[in-house]
Structures are given as structure tokens and as C-alpha cells.
């Protein structure tokens, strides 16, 4: 990020999988994501998303979705779209916490000073 470029936000969404998600087979989960989640992500291409498993490392959450974008409105719309599905709108995942961050934000602060 430079003083002239828009900041890129990274948003960590901590999730807890629900029994309805765990009851699906891996094939059913993949088919659901392809049919319901992928179209929402495709609608907001200015937001990149990665999905991580965390249940082996913490009891706080089971999964993380990590979003990167310079367009917070697009991110908010994407999340609204996901909340309109069973993926984030229950019964599949509960949002535990969302942590927004700026990578190397101190460098932008130093450059602006």
C-alpha cells in the first residue's frame, strides 16, 4: 500500500460449523458451495476470499474465511449475499467474530506523516 493507492483491507471471519453442515457428506458440501456460495463470490470480484480449516488448532472457531479488498462496500454486499444463503444465514455456519485489519498499516501511517 502506498500513500496514493487505496488501502487493502483483510477481514478475518471466524466461523463455527453447525451440525447441519457436518451432517452433509464432503461431496454434498462441495456441491452446495459450487451452487450457492460460488455465485455470490463471483458477483463481487473485487473481493478475494480464502477458506481455512482451524478446528485442529483452536476451540474458538472451526473455520476462517479471509477476505481481501480495497472496496469495503463490495465486501459488505458480499457478506449480505452470503447471509441470504444457508451458508452464513444458518444452519451451516455461525459467525463467531469478524476481525478487520490493514497489512503493514503502520507503513502507510509513516508515509502519511
Protein backbone atom coordinates (compact mmCIF):
# COMPACT_ATOMS: atom_id res chain seq x y z
CA UNK A 1 0.00 0.00 0.00
CA UNK A 2 1.37 3.40 -0.93
CA UNK A 3 0.19 6.83 0.12
CA UNK A 4 -1.66 7.16 -3.23
CA UNK A 5 -3.19 3.69 -3.51
CA UNK A 6 -6.34 2.73 -1.63
CA UNK A 7 -5.74 0.57 1.43
CA UNK A 8 -6.30 -3.14 1.07
CA UNK A 9 -8.30 -4.46 3.97
CA UNK A 10 -8.00 -8.02 5.20
CA UNK A 11 -11.04 -9.27 7.08
CA UNK A 12 -10.82 -12.44 9.11
CA UNK A 13 -14.22 -14.05 9.63
CA UNK A 14 -14.13 -16.69 12.35
CA UNK A 15 -16.79 -19.36 11.86
CA UNK A 16 -18.18 -22.26 13.82
CA UNK A 17 -19.60 -25.12 11.75
CA UNK A 18 -23.05 -26.29 12.74
CA UNK A 19 -24.43 -29.85 12.92
CA UNK A 20 -26.37 -29.41 9.65
CA UNK A 21 -23.10 -28.71 7.77
CA UNK A 22 -21.29 -31.60 9.41
CA UNK A 23 -24.17 -33.94 8.52
CA UNK A 24 -23.51 -33.34 4.81
CA UNK A 25 -21.02 -35.55 3.01
CA UNK A 26 -17.94 -33.87 1.57
CA UNK A 27 -19.44 -34.30 -1.90
CA UNK A 28 -22.68 -32.61 -0.77
CA UNK A 29 -20.71 -29.77 0.82
CA UNK A 30 -18.69 -29.19 -2.36
CA UNK A 31 -21.86 -29.24 -4.48
CA UNK A 32 -23.54 -26.76 -2.14
CA UNK A 33 -20.58 -24.37 -2.24
CA UNK A 34 -20.46 -24.57 -6.04
CA UNK A 35 -24.20 -23.99 -6.41
CA UNK A 36 -24.85 -21.39 -3.69
CA UNK A 37 -21.62 -19.78 -2.45
CA UNK A 38 -19.57 -19.50 -5.66
CA UNK A 39 -22.20 -17.34 -7.44
CA UNK A 40 -22.20 -14.86 -4.54
CA UNK A 41 -18.40 -14.67 -4.61
CA UNK A 42 -18.45 -14.23 -8.40
CA UNK A 43 -20.82 -11.30 -8.12
CA UNK A 44 -18.21 -9.33 -6.15
CA UNK A 45 -14.90 -9.96 -7.97
CA UNK A 46 -13.22 -7.03 -6.23
CA UNK A 47 -13.21 -9.15 -3.06
CA UNK A 48 -10.83 -12.11 -2.83
CA UNK A 49 -11.74 -14.91 -0.41
CA UNK A 50 -9.82 -17.86 1.01
CA UNK A 51 -11.20 -20.56 3.34
CA UNK A 52 -9.19 -22.21 6.11
CA UNK A 53 -9.82 -25.13 8.48
CA UNK A 54 -8.94 -24.30 12.08
CA UNK A 55 -10.66 -26.92 14.24
CA UNK A 56 -7.45 -28.90 14.81
CA UNK A 57 -5.73 -25.84 16.26
CA UNK A 58 -8.30 -23.93 18.33
CA UNK A 59 -11.57 -24.37 20.15
CA UNK A 60 -12.61 -20.80 19.37
CA UNK A 61 -13.66 -21.44 15.78
CA UNK A 62 -13.71 -24.31 13.31
CA UNK A 63 -13.05 -22.37 10.11
CA UNK A 64 -11.91 -19.00 8.83
CA UNK A 65 -12.91 -17.06 5.76
CA UNK A 66 -10.28 -14.47 4.86
CA UNK A 67 -11.36 -11.63 2.59
CA UNK A 68 -9.10 -9.07 0.93
CA UNK A 69 -10.41 -5.92 -0.74
CA UNK A 70 -9.93 -2.20 -1.18
CA UNK A 71 -13.72 -1.87 -1.54
CA UNK A 72 -15.44 -2.27 1.82
CA UNK A 73 -18.87 -1.67 0.27
CA UNK A 74 -18.33 -4.65 -2.05
CA UNK A 75 -17.23 -6.74 0.94
CA UNK A 76 -20.35 -5.74 2.88
CA UNK A 77 -22.56 -6.63 -0.09
CA UNK A 78 -20.81 -9.98 -0.48
CA UNK A 79 -21.39 -10.79 3.19
CA UNK A 80 -25.04 -9.76 2.87
CA UNK A 81 -25.30 -12.14 -0.09
CA UNK A 82 -23.76 -14.96 1.92
CA UNK A 83 -26.10 -14.24 4.83
CA UNK A 84 -29.01 -14.71 2.43
CA UNK A 85 -27.87 -18.31 1.97
CA UNK A 86 -27.85 -21.21 4.40
CA UNK A 87 -24.05 -20.96 4.44
CA UNK A 88 -23.84 -17.92 6.75
CA UNK A 89 -27.53 -17.46 7.38
CA UNK A 90 -27.73 -20.69 9.32
CA UNK A 91 -27.99 -23.59 9.50
CA UNK A 92 -24.47 -24.27 8.21
CA UNK A 93 -22.14 -21.76 9.90
CA UNK A 94 -22.30 -19.32 12.78
CA UNK A 95 -20.15 -16.19 12.56
CA UNK A 96 -18.10 -16.05 15.74
CA UNK A 97 -16.21 -12.82 15.06
CA UNK A 98 -15.01 -10.59 12.24
CA UNK A 99 -11.57 -9.01 12.60
CA UNK A 100 -10.71 -6.27 10.10
CA UNK A 101 -7.04 -5.43 9.57
CA UNK A 102 -4.65 -3.46 7.38
CA UNK A 103 -1.48 -5.24 6.35
CA UNK A 104 1.52 -3.07 7.25
CA UNK A 105 -0.81 -0.24 8.21
CA UNK A 106 1.97 1.41 10.15
CA UNK A 107 3.91 1.90 6.88
CA UNK A 108 1.03 3.89 5.39
CA UNK A 109 0.83 5.91 8.59
CA UNK A 110 4.57 6.66 8.44
CA UNK A 111 4.30 7.63 4.76
CA UNK A 112 1.40 9.99 5.50
CA UNK A 113 3.19 11.68 8.40
